[in-house]
Each structure stands twice: as structure tokens, then as C-alpha cells.
Amino acid sequence: MRLKAHLALLSVALIYGANYTIAKNVLDQEYLKPNGFILLRVLSGFILFSMVHFLFIKEKVDRKDLALLAFCGLFGIALNQLFFFKGLSETSPVHASLIMVVTPIIVLIVSTLYRKEKVSKWKLLGILIGMLGAMLLILRGSSGGTSMSSPIGDLYILINAASYAIYLVFAKEIMKKYHPFTVMKWVFSFGLVVVLPFGIVDLTDAVWSSFPTDIWIAVGYVLLFTTFLAYLLNAYALTIVNPTTASAYIYLQPLIASTIAILWYNDGLSSLKVFCAILIFVGVYLISIQKQKRIP
């Protein structure tokens, strides 16, 4: 079961790692504005999860749990996605992925305060090693890059990282009780209510007939993979592993983003990048095996 959870989290990291470039391509060319793109994401997620839940799951939730589901919808869908796309439109993917590295730290803090999760020396060491590898990798890439960033865009990404961290911790609680499709249906339902007034104008103003094939493919990737599949796999993993372990896979995203840059832009594979990759994998490994090393 734990192996399946880690494979799911690895898949999520791959999806999100590619999303930085794919989503920004749509935003930079202004085919969709950030809030309109987010509304399209949340709306598609709501429809897909609701359809699957209606056809196959049909699980009901207790009224007392609606508040927690609404809380997860606010932080995991609305604030998370609104600030991420807004920040990505105003800063570089390099800066965005660097700032997202703080997510496991925030998860660790929130888990310690709320869930009283014990912090072992191995877990703490894994977080520090993974963060070091990710920061070295991105800072090395940004030193020679030409991408533009802004303080406000970086701040938006930081808010996104914090909201996602809070979501991971509290979603773990509700995952103990309900099927992942049930949770996702309600989380996207509440998220849609919040996002709708922010994105309705931008979405209706989009000139759909002007979208070339590559933009349609990019939008389809964001809707099907980054939204539906990534959230589902992450929800499944949270039924097995703790939030800190789940968030540790964020460290893989800079590595994946750099790999895409190597393939897409014919960038070189330096010894420093290999060293950073090793640090990231070691960090994720130390965090993920923490519970298995615990003596009963």
C-alpha cells in the first residue's frame, strides 16, 4: 500500500513539474487570464469528480463534516489555485518552484501544532537535504536565465504554498473517513463557490476560436492531468501516508522542471544538476521511510 502511495505522489510530482511550463505558456500568450483559467480548472474538476462519484461511489457525508470540507475547499482549491496562477503569470517558473519548496516546512509546522505529529531527526534531516538540493538546482538555473520575476508574483506563490500546506494537513483528517472521490467532489464544490465570482468575467471574455492546437492541448493537460488526476492521486496517497511525506515530493518538481528545460531548450546536464538531483532524492527517501524505521 505504501509503495502505491509513493508511486502516486511521484506521478503527482511529474504532473506538477511539467505544469509550470505548460500553464505559463497559456498565461504568457494571454489566451486565458489567470482567474478565468482557474475557474475553468475548478469547474472541470467539479464536473469530473461529481460524475464519477454519482456513477460509482454515491457516498454521503455527515453534516458535521461539511465545515471541514469547506475549509479544505477554501485552502486546497480556491486560495491555492487562485494565487498560484496569478503568481505564475507575474513571476518566473524558476522563482515559483523555488518558493514552493517551503511547503513541506509549513506542513511540518502545522502538523506539529495541529496533529501533534512527531518530528524525528531523520524526517528533519530529509527536509533540509531536499530543500538544499532544490534551492541549489533552481538558483543555479536562475543565475544564467533571462526569465522575469516580480516581488508581488513571488508573494502570491508563497501564499499558494502556505494554503496548499494547510490543505494537506486538514485533508488527511477527512480522508480517514471518506472515499477520495467523495472528498474531492465536496472540496471542488466549495472551491467553485469561492472561485466563481473572481473568474467568471475573465472566462466569458476568452476568445475560444483563437486558440491554436498547442494551446488546446496545454489547456487539456491542465484540466485532465494537473487538476483531475493530480488531485485524485494526492488524495489517494493521503489515505496512506502523512502530510509531511506527501509534501516532500514537491522537492522533485524543480528537478522535473529542469529536466524539461534540458529536453525542450537543449540545456546541458552539468555535474551540479546531477548532485542536486541526488540531494533531492535522498531527502525524499529519508522522509518517506521515517515511519518504517520506527521500532514498535
C-alpha atoms as a PDB file:
ATOM      1  CA  MET A   1       0.000   0.000   0.000  1.00  0.00           C
ATOM      2  CA  ARG A   2       2.774   2.423   0.905  1.00  0.00           C
ATOM      3  CA  LEU A   3       4.555   1.681  -2.380  1.00  0.00           C
ATOM      4  CA  LYS A   4       1.385   2.551  -4.303  1.00  0.00           C
ATOM      5  CA  ALA A   5       1.100   5.784  -2.335  1.00  0.00           C
ATOM      6  CA  HIS A   6       4.667   6.779  -3.185  1.00  0.00           C
ATOM      7  CA  LEU A   7       4.132   5.931  -6.852  1.00  0.00           C
ATOM      8  CA  ALA A   8       1.019   8.130  -6.790  1.00  0.00           C
ATOM      9  CA  LEU A   9       2.984  11.001  -5.237  1.00  0.00           C
ATOM     10  CA  LEU A  10       5.761  10.569  -7.797  1.00  0.00           C
ATOM     11  CA  SER A  11       3.156  10.811 -10.556  1.00  0.00           C
ATOM     12  CA  VAL A  12       1.783  13.996  -8.984  1.00  0.00           C
ATOM     13  CA  ALA A  13       5.291  15.479  -8.890  1.00  0.00           C
ATOM     14  CA  LEU A  14       5.780  14.652 -12.580  1.00  0.00           C
ATOM     15  CA  ILE A  15       2.441  16.247 -13.489  1.00  0.00           C
ATOM     16  CA  TYR A  16       3.101  19.421 -11.496  1.00  0.00           C
ATOM     17  CA  GLY A  17       6.716  19.640 -12.660  1.00  0.00           C
ATOM     18  CA  ALA A  18       5.550  19.860 -16.271  1.00  0.00           C
ATOM     19  CA  ASN A  19       2.663  22.150 -15.365  1.00  0.00           C
ATOM     20  CA  TYR A  20       4.939  25.129 -14.643  1.00  0.00           C
ATOM     21  CA  THR A  21       5.946  25.403 -18.286  1.00  0.00           C
ATOM     22  CA  ILE A  22       2.670  24.256 -19.853  1.00  0.00           C
ATOM     23  CA  ALA A  23       0.359  26.522 -17.858  1.00  0.00           C
ATOM     24  CA  LYS A  24       2.659  29.541 -18.118  1.00  0.00           C
ATOM     25  CA  ASN A  25       2.703  29.190 -21.901  1.00  0.00           C
ATOM     26  CA  VAL A  26      -1.071  29.700 -21.946  1.00  0.00           C
ATOM     27  CA  LEU A  27      -0.909  32.600 -19.480  1.00  0.00           C
ATOM     28  CA  ASP A  28       2.008  34.386 -21.158  1.00  0.00           C
ATOM     29  CA  GLN A  29       0.226  34.405 -24.520  1.00  0.00           C
ATOM     30  CA  GLU A  30      -2.922  35.675 -22.746  1.00  0.00           C
ATOM     31  CA  TYR A  31      -5.294  33.173 -24.309  1.00  0.00           C
ATOM     32  CA  LEU A  32      -6.733  32.806 -20.818  1.00  0.00           C
ATOM     33  CA  LYS A  33      -6.326  35.198 -17.909  1.00  0.00           C
ATOM     34  CA  PRO A  34      -5.297  33.673 -14.553  1.00  0.00           C
ATOM     35  CA  ASN A  35      -8.672  33.863 -12.787  1.00  0.00           C
ATOM     36  CA  GLY A  36     -10.533  32.635 -15.850  1.00  0.00           C
ATOM     37  CA  PHE A  37      -8.136  29.710 -16.205  1.00  0.00           C
ATOM     38  CA  ILE A  38      -8.625  28.845 -12.534  1.00  0.00           C
ATOM     39  CA  LEU A  39     -12.409  28.900 -12.851  1.00  0.00           C
ATOM     40  CA  LEU A  40     -12.149  26.574 -15.849  1.00  0.00           C
ATOM     41  CA  ARG A  41      -9.938  24.244 -13.792  1.00  0.00           C
ATOM     42  CA  VAL A  42     -12.213  24.172 -10.763  1.00  0.00           C
ATOM     43  CA  LEU A  43     -15.342  23.823 -12.883  1.00  0.00           C
ATOM     44  CA  SER A  44     -13.886  20.886 -14.812  1.00  0.00           C
ATOM     45  CA  GLY A  45     -12.702  19.263 -11.585  1.00  0.00           C
ATOM     46  CA  PHE A  46     -16.137  19.677 -10.028  1.00  0.00           C
ATOM     47  CA  ILE A  47     -17.861  18.131 -13.065  1.00  0.00           C
ATOM     48  CA  LEU A  48     -15.448  15.187 -13.388  1.00  0.00           C
ATOM     49  CA  PHE A  49     -15.361  14.282  -9.712  1.00  0.00           C
ATOM     50  CA  SER A  50     -19.130  14.705  -9.366  1.00  0.00           C
ATOM     51  CA  MET A  51     -19.789  12.452 -12.369  1.00  0.00           C
ATOM     52  CA  VAL A  52     -17.533   9.663 -11.111  1.00  0.00           C
ATOM     53  CA  HIS A  53     -18.945   9.979  -7.588  1.00  0.00           C
ATOM     54  CA  PHE A  54     -22.533   9.841  -8.857  1.00  0.00           C
ATOM     55  CA  LEU A  55     -21.904   6.821 -11.092  1.00  0.00           C
ATOM     56  CA  PHE A  56     -19.678   4.671  -8.894  1.00  0.00           C
ATOM     57  CA  ILE A  57     -19.327   5.903  -5.297  1.00  0.00           C
ATOM     58  CA  LYS A  58     -22.602   7.506  -4.146  1.00  0.00           C
ATOM     59  CA  GLU A  59     -21.260   8.006  -0.638  1.00  0.00           C
ATOM     60  CA  LYS A  60     -22.949  10.552   1.622  1.00  0.00           C
ATOM     61  CA  VAL A  61     -21.185  12.773   4.124  1.00  0.00           C
ATOM     62  CA  ASP A  62     -22.248  13.718   7.629  1.00  0.00           C
ATOM     63  CA  ARG A  63     -23.496  17.256   8.015  1.00  0.00           C
ATOM     64  CA  LYS A  64     -20.962  17.871  10.767  1.00  0.00           C
ATOM     65  CA  ASP A  65     -18.109  17.271   8.286  1.00  0.00           C
ATOM     66  CA  LEU A  66     -19.240  19.908   5.775  1.00  0.00           C
ATOM     67  CA  ALA A  67     -17.368  22.666   7.607  1.00  0.00           C
ATOM     68  CA  LEU A  68     -14.069  20.792   7.325  1.00  0.00           C
ATOM     69  CA  LEU A  69     -14.733  20.035   3.656  1.00  0.00           C
ATOM     70  CA  ALA A  70     -15.482  23.721   3.058  1.00  0.00           C
ATOM     71  CA  PHE A  71     -12.226  24.623   4.836  1.00  0.00           C
ATOM     72  CA  CYS A  72     -10.307  22.228   2.573  1.00  0.00           C
ATOM     73  CA  GLY A  73     -12.092  23.671  -0.462  1.00  0.00           C
ATOM     74  CA  LEU A  74     -11.062  27.192   0.531  1.00  0.00           C
ATOM     75  CA  PHE A  75      -7.373  26.414   1.090  1.00  0.00           C
ATOM     76  CA  GLY A  76      -6.836  23.454  -1.217  1.00  0.00           C
ATOM     77  CA  ILE A  77      -8.770  24.718  -4.229  1.00  0.00           C
ATOM     78  CA  ALA A  78      -9.700  28.402  -4.121  1.00  0.00           C
ATOM     79  CA  LEU A  79      -6.728  30.125  -2.441  1.00  0.00           C
ATOM     80  CA  ASN A  80      -4.230  27.545  -3.658  1.00  0.00           C
ATOM     81  CA  GLN A  81      -5.137  27.795  -7.327  1.00  0.00           C
ATOM     82  CA  LEU A  82      -6.036  31.492  -7.482  1.00  0.00           C
ATOM     83  CA  PHE A  83      -2.724  32.592  -6.023  1.00  0.00           C
ATOM     84  CA  PHE A  84      -0.662  30.040  -7.951  1.00  0.00           C
ATOM     85  CA  PHE A  85      -1.867  31.050 -11.405  1.00  0.00           C
ATOM     86  CA  LYS A  86      -1.846  34.732 -10.509  1.00  0.00           C
ATOM     87  CA  GLY A  87       1.705  34.397  -9.206  1.00  0.00           C
ATOM     88  CA  LEU A  88       2.843  32.288 -12.167  1.00  0.00           C
ATOM     89  CA  SER A  89       1.586  34.971 -14.542  1.00  0.00           C
ATOM     90  CA  GLU A  90       3.758  37.592 -12.806  1.00  0.00           C
ATOM     91  CA  THR A  91       6.908  35.676 -11.913  1.00  0.00           C
ATOM     92  CA  SER A  92       9.163  33.068 -13.470  1.00  0.00           C
ATOM     93  CA  PRO A  93       8.712  29.307 -13.177  1.00  0.00           C
ATOM     94  CA  VAL A  94      12.143  29.254 -11.527  1.00  0.00           C
ATOM     95  CA  HIS A  95      11.044  31.550  -8.719  1.00  0.00           C
ATOM     96  CA  ALA A  96       7.682  29.807  -8.417  1.00  0.00           C
ATOM     97  CA  SER A  97       9.222  26.356  -7.988  1.00  0.00           C
ATOM     98  CA  LEU A  98      11.802  27.714  -5.544  1.00  0.00           C
ATOM     99  CA  ILE A  99       9.169  29.248  -3.290  1.00  0.00           C
ATOM    100  CA  MET A 100       7.023  26.090  -3.415  1.00  0.00           C
ATOM    101  CA  VAL A 101       9.911  24.303  -1.680  1.00  0.00           C
ATOM    102  CA  VAL A 102       8.800  25.884   1.618  1.00  0.00           C
ATOM    103  CA  THR A 103       5.575  23.825   1.537  1.00  0.00           C
ATOM    104  CA  PRO A 104       6.984  20.798   3.419  1.00  0.00           C
ATOM    105  CA  ILE A 105       8.336  23.135   6.110  1.00  0.00           C
ATOM    106  CA  ILE A 106       4.901  24.697   6.584  1.00  0.00           C
ATOM    107  CA  VAL A 107       3.298  21.242   6.588  1.00  0.00           C
ATOM    108  CA  LEU A 108       5.726  20.126   9.264  1.00  0.00           C
ATOM    109  CA  ILE A 109       4.931  23.165  11.420  1.00  0.00           C
ATOM    110  CA  VAL A 110       1.151  22.834  11.013  1.00  0.00           C
ATOM    111  CA  SER A 111       1.271  19.071  11.591  1.00  0.00           C
ATOM    112  CA  THR A 112       3.300  19.549  14.750  1.00  0.00           C
ATOM    113  CA  LEU A 113       0.880  22.149  16.104  1.00  0.00           C
ATOM    114  CA  TYR A 114      -2.420  20.620  14.962  1.00  0.00           C
ATOM    115  CA  ARG A 115      -1.868  16.863  14.587  1.00  0.00           C
ATOM    116  CA  LYS A 116       0.897  16.637  17.210  1.00  0.00           C
ATOM    117  CA  GLU A 117       2.972  14.787  14.640  1.00  0.00           C
ATOM    118  CA  LYS A 118       6.354  13.790  15.984  1.00  0.00           C
ATOM    119  CA  VAL A 119       9.349  15.169  14.142  1.00  0.00           C
ATOM    120  CA  SER A 120      12.175  12.635  14.010  1.00  0.00           C
ATOM    121  CA  LYS A 121      15.746  13.607  13.290  1.00  0.00           C
ATOM    122  CA  TRP A 122      15.592  11.641  10.023  1.00  0.00           C
ATOM    123  CA  LYS A 123      12.497  13.475   8.819  1.00  0.00           C
ATOM    124  CA  LEU A 124      14.024  16.847   9.688  1.00  0.00           C
ATOM    125  CA  LEU A 125      17.300  15.885   8.007  1.00  0.00           C
ATOM    126  CA  GLY A 126      15.401  14.742   4.897  1.00  0.00           C
ATOM    127  CA  ILE A 127      13.555  18.058   4.677  1.00  0.00           C
ATOM    128  CA  LEU A 128      16.769  20.050   4.990  1.00  0.00           C
ATOM    129  CA  ILE A 129      18.678  17.921   2.438  1.00  0.00           C
ATOM    130  CA  GLY A 130      15.820  18.025  -0.071  1.00  0.00           C
ATOM    131  CA  MET A 131      15.395  21.768   0.326  1.00  0.00           C
ATOM    132  CA  LEU A 132      19.141  22.312  -0.145  1.00  0.00           C
ATOM    133  CA  GLY A 133      19.142  20.292  -3.363  1.00  0.00           C
ATOM    134  CA  ALA A 134      16.109  22.088  -4.764  1.00  0.00           C
ATOM    135  CA  MET A 135      17.435  25.554  -3.886  1.00  0.00           C
ATOM    136  CA  LEU A 136      20.857  24.856  -5.407  1.00  0.00           C
ATOM    137  CA  LEU A 137      19.263  23.490  -8.572  1.00  0.00           C
ATOM    138  CA  ILE A 138      16.946  26.448  -9.119  1.00  0.00           C
ATOM    139  CA  LEU A 139      19.381  29.165  -8.059  1.00  0.00           C
ATOM    140  CA  ARG A 140      21.950  27.732 -10.486  1.00  0.00           C
ATOM    141  CA  GLY A 141      19.350  27.788 -13.245  1.00  0.00           C
ATOM    142  CA  SER A 142      18.192  31.303 -12.461  1.00  0.00           C
ATOM    143  CA  SER A 143      21.728  32.738 -12.422  1.00  0.00           C
ATOM    144  CA  GLY A 144      22.016  32.331 -16.155  1.00  0.00           C
ATOM    145  CA  GLY A 145      18.412  32.694 -17.143  1.00  0.00           C
ATOM    146  CA  THR A 146      16.552  35.582 -18.685  1.00  0.00           C
ATOM    147  CA  SER A 147      13.109  34.973 -17.177  1.00  0.00           C
ATOM    148  CA  MET A 148      11.475  37.848 -15.396  1.00  0.00           C
ATOM    149  CA  SER A 149      10.019  37.778 -11.903  1.00  0.00           C
ATOM    150  CA  SER A 150       8.400  40.225  -9.515  1.00  0.00           C
ATOM    151  CA  PRO A 151       8.115  40.519  -5.720  1.00  0.00           C
ATOM    152  CA  ILE A 152       4.308  40.518  -5.877  1.00  0.00           C
ATOM    153  CA  GLY A 153       4.322  37.391  -8.034  1.00  0.00           C
ATOM    154  CA  ASP A 154       6.674  35.700  -5.565  1.00  0.00           C
ATOM    155  CA  LEU A 155       4.365  36.707  -2.706  1.00  0.00           C
ATOM    156  CA  TYR A 156       1.374  35.164  -4.480  1.00  0.00           C
ATOM    157  CA  ILE A 157       3.285  31.879  -4.879  1.00  0.00           C
ATOM    158  CA  LEU A 158       4.223  31.971  -1.189  1.00  0.00           C
ATOM    159  CA  ILE A 159       0.546  32.338  -0.230  1.00  0.00           C
ATOM    160  CA  ASN A 160      -0.216  29.461  -2.592  1.00  0.00           C
ATOM    161  CA  ALA A 161       2.423  27.294  -0.899  1.00  0.00           C
ATOM    162  CA  ALA A 162       1.075  28.088   2.573  1.00  0.00           C
ATOM    163  CA  SER A 163      -2.543  27.391   1.597  1.00  0.00           C
ATOM    164  CA  TYR A 164      -1.600  24.071  -0.016  1.00  0.00           C
ATOM    165  CA  ALA A 165       0.332  23.055   3.088  1.00  0.00           C
ATOM    166  CA  ILE A 166      -2.672  23.783   5.305  1.00  0.00           C
ATOM    167  CA  TYR A 167      -4.883  21.802   2.919  1.00  0.00           C
ATOM    168  CA  LEU A 168      -2.628  18.751   3.074  1.00  0.00           C
ATOM    169  CA  VAL A 169      -2.759  18.625   6.867  1.00  0.00           C
ATOM    170  CA  PHE A 170      -6.528  19.028   7.202  1.00  0.00           C
ATOM    171  CA  ALA A 171      -7.389  16.884   4.175  1.00  0.00           C
ATOM    172  CA  LYS A 172      -5.610  13.998   5.904  1.00  0.00           C
ATOM    173  CA  GLU A 173      -8.256  14.108   8.635  1.00  0.00           C
ATOM    174  CA  ILE A 174     -11.232  13.866   6.295  1.00  0.00           C
ATOM    175  CA  MET A 175      -9.532  11.198   4.145  1.00  0.00           C
ATOM    176  CA  LYS A 176      -9.651   8.851   7.118  1.00  0.00           C
ATOM    177  CA  LYS A 177     -13.426   8.784   6.902  1.00  0.00           C
ATOM    178  CA  TYR A 178     -14.469   9.070   3.257  1.00  0.00           C
ATOM    179  CA  HIS A 179     -13.542   7.778  -0.191  1.00  0.00           C
ATOM    180  CA  PRO A 180     -11.132  10.086  -2.099  1.00  0.00           C
ATOM    181  CA  PHE A 181     -13.759  10.735  -4.808  1.00  0.00           C
ATOM    182  CA  THR A 182     -16.260  11.808  -2.153  1.00  0.00           C
ATOM    183  CA  VAL A 183     -13.789  14.234  -0.615  1.00  0.00           C
ATOM    184  CA  MET A 184     -12.736  15.663  -3.968  1.00  0.00           C
ATOM    185  CA  LYS A 185     -16.347  16.153  -5.058  1.00  0.00           C
ATOM    186  CA  TRP A 186     -17.128  18.258  -1.999  1.00  0.00           C
ATOM    187  CA  VAL A 187     -13.792  20.068  -1.913  1.00  0.00           C
ATOM    188  CA  PHE A 188     -14.195  21.171  -5.534  1.00  0.00           C
ATOM    189  CA  SER A 189     -17.841  22.081  -4.895  1.00  0.00           C
ATOM    190  CA  PHE A 190     -16.922  24.514  -2.128  1.00  0.00           C
ATOM    191  CA  GLY A 191     -13.892  25.753  -4.073  1.00  0.00           C
ATOM    192  CA  LEU A 192     -16.088  26.519  -7.071  1.00  0.00           C
ATOM    193  CA  VAL A 193     -18.355  28.740  -4.969  1.00  0.00           C
ATOM    194  CA  VAL A 194     -15.361  30.851  -3.924  1.00  0.00           C
ATOM    195  CA  VAL A 195     -13.646  30.997  -7.336  1.00  0.00           C
ATOM    196  CA  LEU A 196     -16.761  31.722  -9.437  1.00  0.00           C
ATOM    197  CA  PRO A 197     -17.070  35.495  -8.768  1.00  0.00           C
ATOM    198  CA  PHE A 198     -13.341  36.006  -9.393  1.00  0.00           C
ATOM    199  CA  GLY A 199     -13.118  34.223 -12.719  1.00  0.00           C
ATOM    200  CA  ILE A 200     -16.500  34.448 -14.433  1.00  0.00           C
ATOM    201  CA  VAL A 201     -15.723  37.673 -16.328  1.00  0.00           C
ATOM    202  CA  ASP A 202     -12.275  36.520 -17.496  1.00  0.00           C
ATOM    203  CA  LEU A 203     -13.640  33.161 -18.616  1.00  0.00           C
ATOM    204  CA  THR A 204     -16.527  34.626 -20.604  1.00  0.00           C
ATOM    205  CA  ASP A 205     -14.164  37.127 -22.254  1.00  0.00           C
ATOM    206  CA  ALA A 206     -11.918  34.384 -23.646  1.00  0.00           C
ATOM    207  CA  VAL A 207     -11.881  34.154 -27.455  1.00  0.00           C
ATOM    208  CA  TRP A 208     -12.062  30.380 -27.822  1.00  0.00           C
ATOM    209  CA  SER A 209     -11.935  30.438 -31.623  1.00  0.00           C
ATOM    210  CA  SER A 210      -8.459  31.976 -31.491  1.00  0.00           C
ATOM    211  CA  PHE A 211      -6.930  29.035 -29.600  1.00  0.00           C
ATOM    212  CA  PRO A 212      -4.369  27.143 -31.725  1.00  0.00           C
ATOM    213  CA  THR A 213      -3.950  23.399 -31.350  1.00  0.00           C
ATOM    214  CA  ASP A 214      -0.995  23.593 -28.954  1.00  0.00           C
ATOM    215  CA  ILE A 215      -2.940  25.862 -26.585  1.00  0.00           C
ATOM    216  CA  TRP A 216      -5.917  23.492 -26.587  1.00  0.00           C
ATOM    217  CA  ILE A 217      -3.527  20.639 -25.744  1.00  0.00           C
ATOM    218  CA  ALA A 218      -1.990  22.699 -22.929  1.00  0.00           C
ATOM    219  CA  VAL A 219      -5.416  23.571 -21.509  1.00  0.00           C
ATOM    220  CA  GLY A 220      -6.477  19.931 -21.768  1.00  0.00           C
ATOM    221  CA  TYR A 221      -3.348  18.865 -19.892  1.00  0.00           C
ATOM    222  CA  VAL A 222      -4.063  21.317 -17.067  1.00  0.00           C
ATOM    223  CA  LEU A 223      -7.705  20.239 -16.779  1.00  0.00           C
ATOM    224  CA  LEU A 224      -7.258  16.466 -17.011  1.00  0.00           C
ATOM    225  CA  PHE A 225      -3.838  15.892 -15.502  1.00  0.00           C
ATOM    226  CA  THR A 226      -2.956  18.830 -13.234  1.00  0.00           C
ATOM    227  CA  THR A 227      -6.497  19.167 -11.904  1.00  0.00           C
ATOM    228  CA  PHE A 228      -8.357  15.848 -12.007  1.00  0.00           C
ATOM    229  CA  LEU A 229      -5.624  13.211 -11.925  1.00  0.00           C
ATOM    230  CA  ALA A 230      -3.134  15.033  -9.666  1.00  0.00           C
ATOM    231  CA  TYR A 231      -5.744  15.854  -7.019  1.00  0.00           C
ATOM    232  CA  LEU A 232      -7.099  12.299  -7.139  1.00  0.00           C
ATOM    233  CA  LEU A 233      -3.683  10.687  -6.778  1.00  0.00           C
ATOM    234  CA  ASN A 234      -2.748  13.076  -3.995  1.00  0.00           C
ATOM    235  CA  ALA A 235      -5.999  12.318  -2.177  1.00  0.00           C
ATOM    236  CA  TYR A 236      -5.348   8.594  -2.503  1.00  0.00           C
ATOM    237  CA  ALA A 237      -1.816   8.974  -1.137  1.00  0.00           C
ATOM    238  CA  LEU A 238      -3.091  10.934   1.873  1.00  0.00           C
ATOM    239  CA  THR A 239      -5.182   7.929   2.886  1.00  0.00           C
ATOM    240  CA  ILE A 240      -1.918   6.038   3.430  1.00  0.00           C
ATOM    241  CA  VAL A 241       0.948   8.425   4.229  1.00  0.00           C
ATOM    242  CA  ASN A 242       1.160  11.515   6.419  1.00  0.00           C
ATOM    243  CA  PRO A 243       1.009  15.095   5.044  1.00  0.00           C
ATOM    244  CA  THR A 244       4.735  15.708   5.598  1.00  0.00           C
ATOM    245  CA  THR A 245       5.657  12.733   3.426  1.00  0.00           C
ATOM    246  CA  ALA A 246       3.186  13.820   0.742  1.00  0.00           C
ATOM    247  CA  SER A 247       4.546  17.367   0.689  1.00  0.00           C
ATOM    248  CA  ALA A 248       8.161  16.151   0.457  1.00  0.00           C
ATOM    249  CA  TYR A 249       7.576  15.149  -3.158  1.00  0.00           C
ATOM    250  CA  ILE A 250       7.316  18.855  -4.001  1.00  0.00           C
ATOM    251  CA  TYR A 251      11.123  18.770  -3.922  1.00  0.00           C
ATOM    252  CA  LEU A 252      11.026  16.691  -7.105  1.00  0.00           C
ATOM    253  CA  GLN A 253       9.231  19.408  -9.061  1.00  0.00           C
ATOM    254  CA  PRO A 254      12.312  21.621  -9.624  1.00  0.00           C
ATOM    255  CA  LEU A 255      14.228  18.550 -10.775  1.00  0.00           C
ATOM    256  CA  ILE A 256      11.476  17.645 -13.228  1.00  0.00           C
ATOM    257  CA  ALA A 257      11.186  21.240 -14.433  1.00  0.00           C
ATOM    258  CA  SER A 258      14.936  21.320 -15.084  1.00  0.00           C
ATOM    259  CA  THR A 259      14.752  18.035 -16.975  1.00  0.00           C
ATOM    260  CA  ILE A 260      12.059  19.509 -19.201  1.00  0.00           C
ATOM    261  CA  ALA A 261      14.296  22.519 -19.797  1.00  0.00           C
ATOM    262  CA  ILE A 262      17.147  20.203 -20.819  1.00  0.00           C
ATOM    263  CA  LEU A 263      14.927  18.406 -23.330  1.00  0.00           C
ATOM    264  CA  TRP A 264      12.971  21.416 -24.580  1.00  0.00           C
ATOM    265  CA  TYR A 265      15.680  24.086 -24.643  1.00  0.00           C
ATOM    266  CA  ASN A 266      18.662  21.781 -25.246  1.00  0.00           C
ATOM    267  CA  ASP A 267      20.166  22.801 -21.931  1.00  0.00           C
ATOM    268  CA  GLY A 268      23.240  20.998 -20.642  1.00  0.00           C
ATOM    269  CA  LEU A 269      23.342  18.315 -17.929  1.00  0.00           C
ATOM    270  CA  SER A 270      26.027  19.570 -15.545  1.00  0.00           C
ATOM    271  CA  SER A 271      27.599  17.753 -12.624  1.00  0.00           C
ATOM    272  CA  LEU A 272      25.932  20.261 -10.277  1.00  0.00           C
ATOM    273  CA  LYS A 273      22.492  19.300 -11.572  1.00  0.00           C
ATOM    274  CA  VAL A 274      23.275  15.630 -11.024  1.00  0.00           C
ATOM    275  CA  PHE A 275      24.460  16.408  -7.494  1.00  0.00           C
ATOM    276  CA  CYS A 276      21.288  18.416  -6.782  1.00  0.00           C
ATOM    277  CA  ALA A 277      19.158  15.590  -8.118  1.00  0.00           C
ATOM    278  CA  ILE A 278      20.872  13.162  -5.736  1.00  0.00           C
ATOM    279  CA  LEU A 279      20.223  15.501  -2.792  1.00  0.00           C
ATOM    280  CA  ILE A 280      16.536  15.775  -3.676  1.00  0.00           C
ATOM    281  CA  PHE A 281      16.064  12.013  -3.983  1.00  0.00           C
ATOM    282  CA  VAL A 282      17.920  11.410  -0.703  1.00  0.00           C
ATOM    283  CA  GLY A 283      15.722  13.972   1.045  1.00  0.00           C
ATOM    284  CA  VAL A 284      12.514  12.391  -0.199  1.00  0.00           C
ATOM    285  CA  TYR A 285      13.824   8.937   0.733  1.00  0.00           C
ATOM    286  CA  LEU A 286      14.681   9.919   4.323  1.00  0.00           C
ATOM    287  CA  ILE A 287      11.253  11.450   4.846  1.00  0.00           C
ATOM    288  CA  SER A 288       9.314   8.625   3.218  1.00  0.00           C
ATOM    289  CA  ILE A 289      10.990   5.812   5.198  1.00  0.00           C
ATOM    290  CA  GLN A 290      10.690   7.547   8.561  1.00  0.00           C
ATOM    291  CA  LYS A 291       7.711   5.525   9.778  1.00  0.00           C
ATOM    292  CA  GLN A 292       9.087   2.232   8.552  1.00  0.00           C
ATOM    293  CA  LYS A 293      12.250   2.723  10.618  1.00  0.00           C
ATOM    294  CA  ARG A 294      10.263   3.291  13.798  1.00  0.00           C
ATOM    295  CA  ILE A 295      10.652   0.384  16.273  1.00  0.00           C
ATOM    296  CA  PRO A 296       7.247  -0.874  17.562  1.00  0.00           C
END
